[in-house]
Protein backbone atom coordinates (compact mmCIF):
# COMPACT_ATOMS: atom_id res chain seq x y z
CA MET A 1 -11.97 -1.28 1.36
CA ALA A 2 -11.29 1.44 4.00
CA LEU A 3 -9.96 1.02 6.95
CA VAL A 4 -10.78 4.17 9.37
CA GLY A 5 -10.99 4.70 13.07
CA PRO A 6 -8.95 7.50 15.47
CA SER A 7 -5.28 6.81 15.72
CA GLY A 8 -4.12 3.95 18.53
CA ALA A 9 -7.27 2.44 16.99
CA GLY A 10 -5.17 -0.54 15.07
CA LYS A 11 -5.66 -0.16 11.71
CA SER A 12 -1.50 -0.65 10.88
CA THR A 13 -2.43 -3.34 13.44
CA LEU A 14 -4.20 -5.07 11.14
CA LEU A 15 -2.55 -4.91 7.88
CA GLY A 16 0.38 -5.91 9.78
CA LEU A 17 -1.75 -9.30 10.58
CA VAL A 18 -2.57 -9.49 7.25
CA ASN A 19 0.96 -8.74 4.91
CA GLY A 20 2.48 -11.27 7.37
CA SER A 21 4.57 -8.56 9.75
CA VAL A 22 3.01 -8.84 11.98
CA PRO A 23 2.55 -12.19 14.34
CA ALA A 24 -0.95 -12.87 15.23
CA THR A 25 -0.71 -13.56 19.28
CA ALA A 26 -4.43 -15.17 19.28
CA GLY A 27 -6.30 -16.93 16.58
CA SER A 28 -5.80 -17.27 13.08
CA VAL A 29 -5.36 -14.85 9.77
CA GLN A 30 -6.26 -16.51 5.78
CA VAL A 31 -4.95 -14.33 3.26
CA LEU A 32 -5.65 -15.29 -0.11
CA GLY A 33 -6.43 -18.97 1.06
CA ALA A 34 -3.66 -19.61 3.32
CA ASP A 35 -1.94 -18.02 7.11
CA PRO A 36 1.20 -16.14 6.51
CA THR A 37 2.94 -16.81 9.52
CA ALA A 38 2.13 -20.37 8.77
CA LEU A 39 4.52 -20.57 5.85
CA ARG A 40 8.07 -20.70 5.32
CA GLY A 41 10.42 -20.25 2.23
CA ARG A 42 9.51 -20.49 -1.43
CA ALA A 43 5.42 -20.58 -0.60
CA GLN A 44 5.86 -17.61 2.15
CA ARG A 45 7.97 -15.41 -0.66
CA GLN A 46 5.12 -16.51 -3.27
CA LEU A 47 2.14 -15.37 -1.20
CA ARG A 48 4.36 -12.23 -0.08
CA ALA A 49 4.63 -11.26 -3.57
CA ARG A 50 1.13 -11.77 -4.20
CA VAL A 51 0.55 -9.28 -1.41
CA GLY A 52 1.34 -5.75 -1.71
CA THR A 53 1.83 -3.10 0.57
CA VAL A 54 2.48 0.87 0.96
CA HIS A 55 3.41 1.94 4.35
CA GLN A 56 3.16 4.51 6.26
CA HIS A 57 6.13 5.16 6.37
CA LEU A 58 7.01 3.75 3.04
CA GLU A 59 10.36 2.08 3.40
CA LEU A 60 12.18 3.29 1.07
CA VAL A 61 16.29 3.45 1.22
CA GLY A 62 17.09 7.10 0.77
CA GLN A 63 20.67 6.62 -0.51
CA LEU A 64 19.35 4.12 -3.30
CA ARG A 65 18.03 5.52 -6.39
CA VAL A 66 14.57 5.93 -7.54
CA VAL A 67 15.44 2.51 -9.97
CA HIS A 68 16.49 0.88 -7.57
CA ASN A 69 13.57 1.33 -4.82
CA VAL A 70 10.78 0.74 -7.75
CA ASN A 71 12.54 -2.17 -8.16
CA ALA A 72 12.35 -3.81 -4.77
CA GLY A 73 8.80 -4.72 -5.38
CA ARG A 74 9.96 -8.17 -8.10
CA LEU A 75 12.71 -8.99 -5.88
CA SER A 76 10.86 -11.83 -4.64
CA ASP A 77 10.64 -12.54 -8.57
CA TRP A 78 14.11 -12.35 -9.32
CA PRO A 79 17.40 -14.84 -7.90
CA ALA A 80 19.77 -13.08 -5.47
CA TRP A 81 22.03 -12.80 -7.95
CA ARG A 82 20.08 -10.49 -10.64
CA ALA A 83 18.80 -8.43 -7.28
CA ALA A 84 22.62 -7.80 -6.59
CA TRP A 85 23.56 -7.03 -10.17
CA SER A 86 20.68 -5.03 -10.60
CA LEU A 87 22.00 -2.47 -7.46
CA VAL A 88 25.50 -1.89 -9.74
CA ARG A 89 23.38 -1.96 -13.28
CA PRO A 90 19.58 -1.10 -12.90
CA GLN A 91 17.68 -4.21 -14.58
CA GLY A 92 13.68 -3.91 -15.92
CA VAL A 93 14.41 0.42 -16.81
CA PRO A 94 11.71 0.18 -18.81
CA GLU A 95 9.06 -0.99 -16.66
CA VAL A 96 10.28 1.00 -14.05
CA LEU A 97 9.84 4.01 -16.12
CA ALA A 98 6.45 3.06 -16.82
CA ALA A 99 5.17 2.87 -13.47
CA LEU A 100 7.13 6.37 -12.45
CA GLU A 101 5.20 7.64 -15.56
CA ARG A 102 1.91 6.66 -14.15
CA VAL A 103 2.75 8.45 -10.66
CA GLY A 104 4.25 11.25 -12.48
CA LEU A 105 7.88 10.51 -11.41
CA ALA A 106 9.95 9.38 -15.13
CA ASP A 107 12.38 11.90 -14.84
CA ARG A 108 13.30 11.11 -11.60
CA VAL A 109 14.32 7.59 -12.23
CA PHE A 110 18.09 7.53 -11.65
CA GLU A 111 17.68 10.39 -8.46
CA ARG A 112 18.65 9.85 -5.00
CA THR A 113 15.63 8.97 -3.31
CA GLU A 114 16.59 11.16 0.00
CA ARG A 115 16.99 14.19 -2.66
CA LEU A 116 13.25 14.04 -3.53
CA SER A 117 10.18 15.67 -1.37
CA GLY A 118 7.38 13.54 1.19
CA GLY A 119 5.19 13.65 -1.76
CA GLN A 120 7.52 12.12 -4.09
CA ARG A 121 8.75 10.21 -1.89
CA GLN A 122 5.08 8.75 -1.53
CA ARG A 123 4.73 8.54 -5.08
CA VAL A 124 8.59 6.53 -4.87
CA ALA A 125 6.28 3.87 -3.13
CA LEU A 126 3.46 3.43 -4.88
CA ALA A 127 5.48 2.65 -8.27
CA ARG A 128 7.38 -0.06 -6.24
CA LEU A 129 3.88 -1.36 -5.83
CA LEU A 130 3.33 -1.31 -10.09
CA VAL A 131 6.04 -2.75 -10.77
CA GLN A 132 5.30 -6.10 -8.37
CA GLN A 133 1.45 -6.22 -9.64
CA PRO A 134 -0.30 -7.89 -6.51
CA GLU A 135 -3.56 -9.34 -6.32
CA LEU A 136 -4.34 -8.17 -2.73
CA VAL A 137 -3.21 -4.05 -2.39
CA LEU A 138 -2.87 -3.12 1.49
CA ALA A 139 -2.48 0.35 1.53
CA ASP A 140 -1.36 2.60 5.23
CA GLU A 141 -2.17 5.79 4.90
CA PRO A 142 -1.24 6.32 1.30
CA ALA A 143 -2.27 9.71 0.80
CA SER A 144 -0.98 11.45 4.19
CA ALA A 145 1.97 13.52 2.35
CA LEU A 146 0.34 14.07 -0.95
CA ASP A 147 -1.66 17.45 -1.77
CA PRO A 148 -5.43 16.78 -2.24
CA VAL A 149 -5.12 16.11 -6.27
CA LEU A 150 -2.34 14.11 -6.25
CA ALA A 151 -4.36 12.20 -3.20
CA GLU A 152 -7.27 11.32 -5.21
CA ARG A 153 -5.04 10.38 -8.18
CA ALA A 154 -3.09 7.98 -5.87
CA LEU A 155 -6.78 6.29 -4.87
CA ALA A 156 -7.39 6.05 -8.03
CA LEU A 157 -4.58 4.32 -8.80
CA LEU A 158 -4.51 2.03 -6.48
CA SER A 159 -8.47 1.36 -6.55
CA ARG A 160 -7.01 0.42 -10.79
CA LEU A 161 -4.14 -2.00 -10.03
CA ALA A 162 -5.87 -4.29 -7.26
CA ALA A 163 -8.88 -4.16 -10.03
CA GLU A 164 -6.45 -5.03 -12.70
CA ARG A 165 -5.74 -8.09 -11.34
CA GLY A 166 -8.70 -9.13 -9.89
CA GLY A 167 -8.27 -7.99 -6.53
CA ALA A 168 -8.62 -6.01 -3.32
CA LEU A 169 -7.83 -2.99 -2.37
CA ILE A 170 -7.15 -2.35 1.63
CA ALA A 171 -6.55 0.89 2.45
CA SER A 172 -6.11 2.55 6.34
CA LEU A 173 -7.12 6.37 5.55
CA HIS A 174 -8.04 9.27 7.84
CA ASP A 175 -10.15 11.64 4.76
CA PRO A 176 -13.71 10.68 5.19
CA ALA A 177 -14.41 12.18 1.78
CA LEU A 178 -11.64 9.73 -0.25
CA ALA A 179 -12.41 6.67 1.61
CA LEU A 180 -16.32 7.58 -0.05
CA ARG A 181 -15.19 8.27 -3.56
CA HIS A 182 -12.80 5.07 -4.14
CA CYS A 183 -14.45 1.88 -1.80
CA THR A 184 -17.56 0.10 -2.01
CA ARG A 185 -17.18 -0.81 1.95
CA VAL A 186 -16.16 1.00 5.37
CA VAL A 187 -14.34 -0.89 8.46
CA GLY A 188 -14.04 1.34 11.55
CA LEU A 189 -11.96 0.48 14.03
CA VAL A 190 -11.97 1.79 17.73
CA GLU A 191 -9.22 -0.24 20.37
CA GLY A 192 -8.24 -2.87 17.86
CA ARG A 193 -12.18 -3.79 18.11
CA VAL A 194 -14.72 -3.54 14.65
CA VAL A 195 -17.35 -1.23 15.91
CA LEU A 196 -18.67 -0.30 12.29
CA ASP A 197 -19.49 -2.26 9.07
CA ALA A 198 -21.22 -0.74 5.93
CA PRO A 199 -21.04 -0.74 2.23
CA ALA A 200 -19.61 3.02 1.16
CA ALA A 201 -23.26 4.01 -0.40
CA ALA A 202 -24.61 3.65 3.24
CA LEU A 203 -22.58 6.41 4.49
CA THR A 204 -22.00 10.23 4.05
CA VAL A 205 -18.51 12.46 5.12
CA GLY A 206 -20.91 14.02 8.12
CA ASP A 207 -21.56 9.86 9.97
CA LEU A 208 -17.33 9.41 9.46
CA ALA A 209 -17.36 12.69 10.53
CA ASP A 210 -19.14 11.65 13.58
CA PHE A 211 -17.45 8.46 13.61
CA TYR A 212 -13.80 10.23 13.70
CA GLY A 213 -15.62 12.52 16.57
CA ALA A 214 -13.74 15.27 14.49
CA PRO A 215 -15.79 18.52 12.60
CA ARG A 216 -18.13 18.39 10.14
């Protein structure tokens, strides 16, 4: 599903409600059969492990090497001692390399993340999601720092990742063409309200350009 709408429409807030990082002030949220804000302890960690997020600001630690940032996708599955030891001697390197290979960064596994370009850091965030293997994939502007070719690959990768687990992808996108090529449903928000909900097959790039108020 593609979330579309102008800046400030509420797309990032909606994704935060789904992954539990933003508490609901009214109503309730059901994610994979549970309310993320009502869970605590192990139940909360288990649900979060099933939901993977590519954040708009990526949530990477620049001072750490790429391998550590990718391994962050598995921290909910590791005991605290293994997570701490991994900072000294990286764990699961073959799996990290496989994920980085899929995003074209296998040669950067031990490089400090802060030395990468914006597009490369975005691909590190995608690799982190690959090792997590979530059922529900949330992506907040996952192609914003990528060139057109890499943007297509990123959306295709996210779609495949969701399909591999029999789950779903919800992506906030500003590019109407990407939304229509990689999503089956489009939901449009304006000032926090749903004003569009339609199958992607029933829409055109021109329809979404009109919705954004942007030139075709």
